Amino acid sequence: MGDQSPLASRPLWASVADGFYVGSRDGSFLGYVDRQADGMWRAFDAVSRSIGDYADHHRAMAAVTTREGDAG
């Protein structure tokens, strides 16, 4: 009936080890975040390039999700 675009699915984050999370969306790998020895969280894109360090894992995850469209 109207022109309805499908809702964007939310990223799914899985804790695969203590201090290590992997993100995906619709089965596609987004990247990961890894807690560093100093307590900071380092974010990586889908090809393992470092995006940056963040004070908490939620901000690191947001950086990976935001960066998703920039990969390549």
C-alpha atoms as a PDB file:
ATOM      1  CA  MET A   1       0.000   0.000   0.000  1.00  0.00           C
ATOM      2  CA  GLY A   2       2.242   3.003   0.713  1.00  0.00           C
ATOM      3  CA  ASP A   3       5.914   3.130  -0.149  1.00  0.00           C
ATOM      4  CA  GLN A   4       7.321   1.614   3.004  1.00  0.00           C
ATOM      5  CA  SER A   5      11.023   0.972   3.305  1.00  0.00           C
ATOM      6  CA  PRO A   6      12.007  -1.922   5.557  1.00  0.00           C
ATOM      7  CA  LEU A   7      13.216  -1.021   9.018  1.00  0.00           C
ATOM      8  CA  ALA A   8      16.986  -1.167   9.358  1.00  0.00           C
ATOM      9  CA  SER A   9      17.953  -4.076  11.542  1.00  0.00           C
ATOM     10  CA  ARG A  10      19.925  -3.390  14.664  1.00  0.00           C
ATOM     11  CA  PRO A  11      23.487  -4.619  15.043  1.00  0.00           C
ATOM     12  CA  LEU A  12      23.971  -7.744  17.123  1.00  0.00           C
ATOM     13  CA  TRP A  13      26.918  -7.802  19.525  1.00  0.00           C
ATOM     14  CA  ALA A  14      28.225 -11.050  21.000  1.00  0.00           C
ATOM     15  CA  SER A  15      30.670 -11.363  23.875  1.00  0.00           C
ATOM     16  CA  VAL A  16      32.997 -14.102  22.678  1.00  0.00           C
ATOM     17  CA  ALA A  17      35.583 -13.722  25.451  1.00  0.00           C
ATOM     18  CA  ASP A  18      36.102 -11.516  28.486  1.00  0.00           C
ATOM     19  CA  GLY A  19      36.648  -8.010  27.126  1.00  0.00           C
ATOM     20  CA  PHE A  20      36.060  -8.961  23.474  1.00  0.00           C
ATOM     21  CA  TYR A  21      32.868  -8.303  21.483  1.00  0.00           C
ATOM     22  CA  VAL A  22      32.083  -9.081  17.848  1.00  0.00           C
ATOM     23  CA  GLY A  23      29.405  -7.208  15.909  1.00  0.00           C
ATOM     24  CA  SER A  24      27.243  -8.255  13.008  1.00  0.00           C
ATOM     25  CA  ARG A  25      24.135  -7.099  11.179  1.00  0.00           C
ATOM     26  CA  ASP A  26      21.975  -9.431   9.111  1.00  0.00           C
ATOM     27  CA  GLY A  27      24.781 -12.002   9.164  1.00  0.00           C
ATOM     28  CA  SER A  28      27.461  -9.574   7.937  1.00  0.00           C
ATOM     29  CA  PHE A  29      30.519  -8.954  10.098  1.00  0.00           C
ATOM     30  CA  LEU A  30      30.782  -5.319  11.256  1.00  0.00           C
ATOM     31  CA  GLY A  31      33.933  -5.392  13.370  1.00  0.00           C
ATOM     32  CA  TYR A  32      34.933  -5.902  16.968  1.00  0.00           C
ATOM     33  CA  VAL A  33      35.935  -4.173  20.175  1.00  0.00           C
ATOM     34  CA  ASP A  34      38.693  -5.311  22.494  1.00  0.00           C
ATOM     35  CA  ARG A  35      39.485  -4.106  26.020  1.00  0.00           C
ATOM     36  CA  GLN A  36      43.109  -2.972  26.307  1.00  0.00           C
ATOM     37  CA  ALA A  37      45.432  -3.424  29.299  1.00  0.00           C
ATOM     38  CA  ASP A  38      44.868   0.220  30.304  1.00  0.00           C
ATOM     39  CA  GLY A  39      41.082  -0.319  30.439  1.00  0.00           C
ATOM     40  CA  MET A  40      40.300   1.522  27.199  1.00  0.00           C
ATOM     41  CA  TRP A  41      38.220  -0.171  24.517  1.00  0.00           C
ATOM     42  CA  ARG A  42      39.757  -0.332  21.042  1.00  0.00           C
ATOM     43  CA  ALA A  43      37.323  -0.497  18.117  1.00  0.00           C
ATOM     44  CA  PHE A  44      38.162  -2.261  14.848  1.00  0.00           C
ATOM     45  CA  ASP A  45      36.292  -2.247  11.547  1.00  0.00           C
ATOM     46  CA  ALA A  46      35.360  -5.275   9.450  1.00  0.00           C
ATOM     47  CA  VAL A  47      38.876  -5.565   7.997  1.00  0.00           C
ATOM     48  CA  SER A  48      40.582  -5.242  11.409  1.00  0.00           C
ATOM     49  CA  ARG A  49      41.676  -1.612  10.991  1.00  0.00           C
ATOM     50  CA  SER A  50      41.771   0.246  14.279  1.00  0.00           C
ATOM     51  CA  ILE A  51      39.096   2.948  14.489  1.00  0.00           C
ATOM     52  CA  GLY A  52      40.099   4.371  17.861  1.00  0.00           C
ATOM     53  CA  ASP A  53      40.118   3.952  21.631  1.00  0.00           C
ATOM     54  CA  TYR A  54      37.069   4.675  23.780  1.00  0.00           C
ATOM     55  CA  ALA A  55      36.362   4.934  27.493  1.00  0.00           C
ATOM     56  CA  ASP A  56      33.637   2.273  27.437  1.00  0.00           C
ATOM     57  CA  HIS A  57      32.557  -0.574  25.222  1.00  0.00           C
ATOM     58  CA  HIS A  58      29.245   1.069  24.277  1.00  0.00           C
ATOM     59  CA  ARG A  59      31.059   3.993  22.638  1.00  0.00           C
ATOM     60  CA  ALA A  60      33.456   1.620  20.900  1.00  0.00           C
ATOM     61  CA  MET A  61      30.528  -0.421  19.569  1.00  0.00           C
ATOM     62  CA  ALA A  62      28.826   2.750  18.346  1.00  0.00           C
ATOM     63  CA  ALA A  63      32.021   3.719  16.508  1.00  0.00           C
ATOM     64  CA  VAL A  64      32.116   0.341  14.751  1.00  0.00           C
ATOM     65  CA  THR A  65      28.451   0.609  13.810  1.00  0.00           C
ATOM     66  CA  THR A  66      28.888   4.177  12.534  1.00  0.00           C
ATOM     67  CA  ARG A  67      31.983   3.163  10.560  1.00  0.00           C
ATOM     68  CA  GLU A  68      30.135   0.274   8.901  1.00  0.00           C
ATOM     69  CA  GLY A  69      29.270   2.281   5.786  1.00  0.00           C
ATOM     70  CA  ASP A  70      32.839   3.612   5.486  1.00  0.00           C
ATOM     71  CA  ALA A  71      34.568   0.221   5.099  1.00  0.00           C
ATOM     72  CA  GLY A  72      36.291  -0.463   1.825  1.00  0.00           C
END
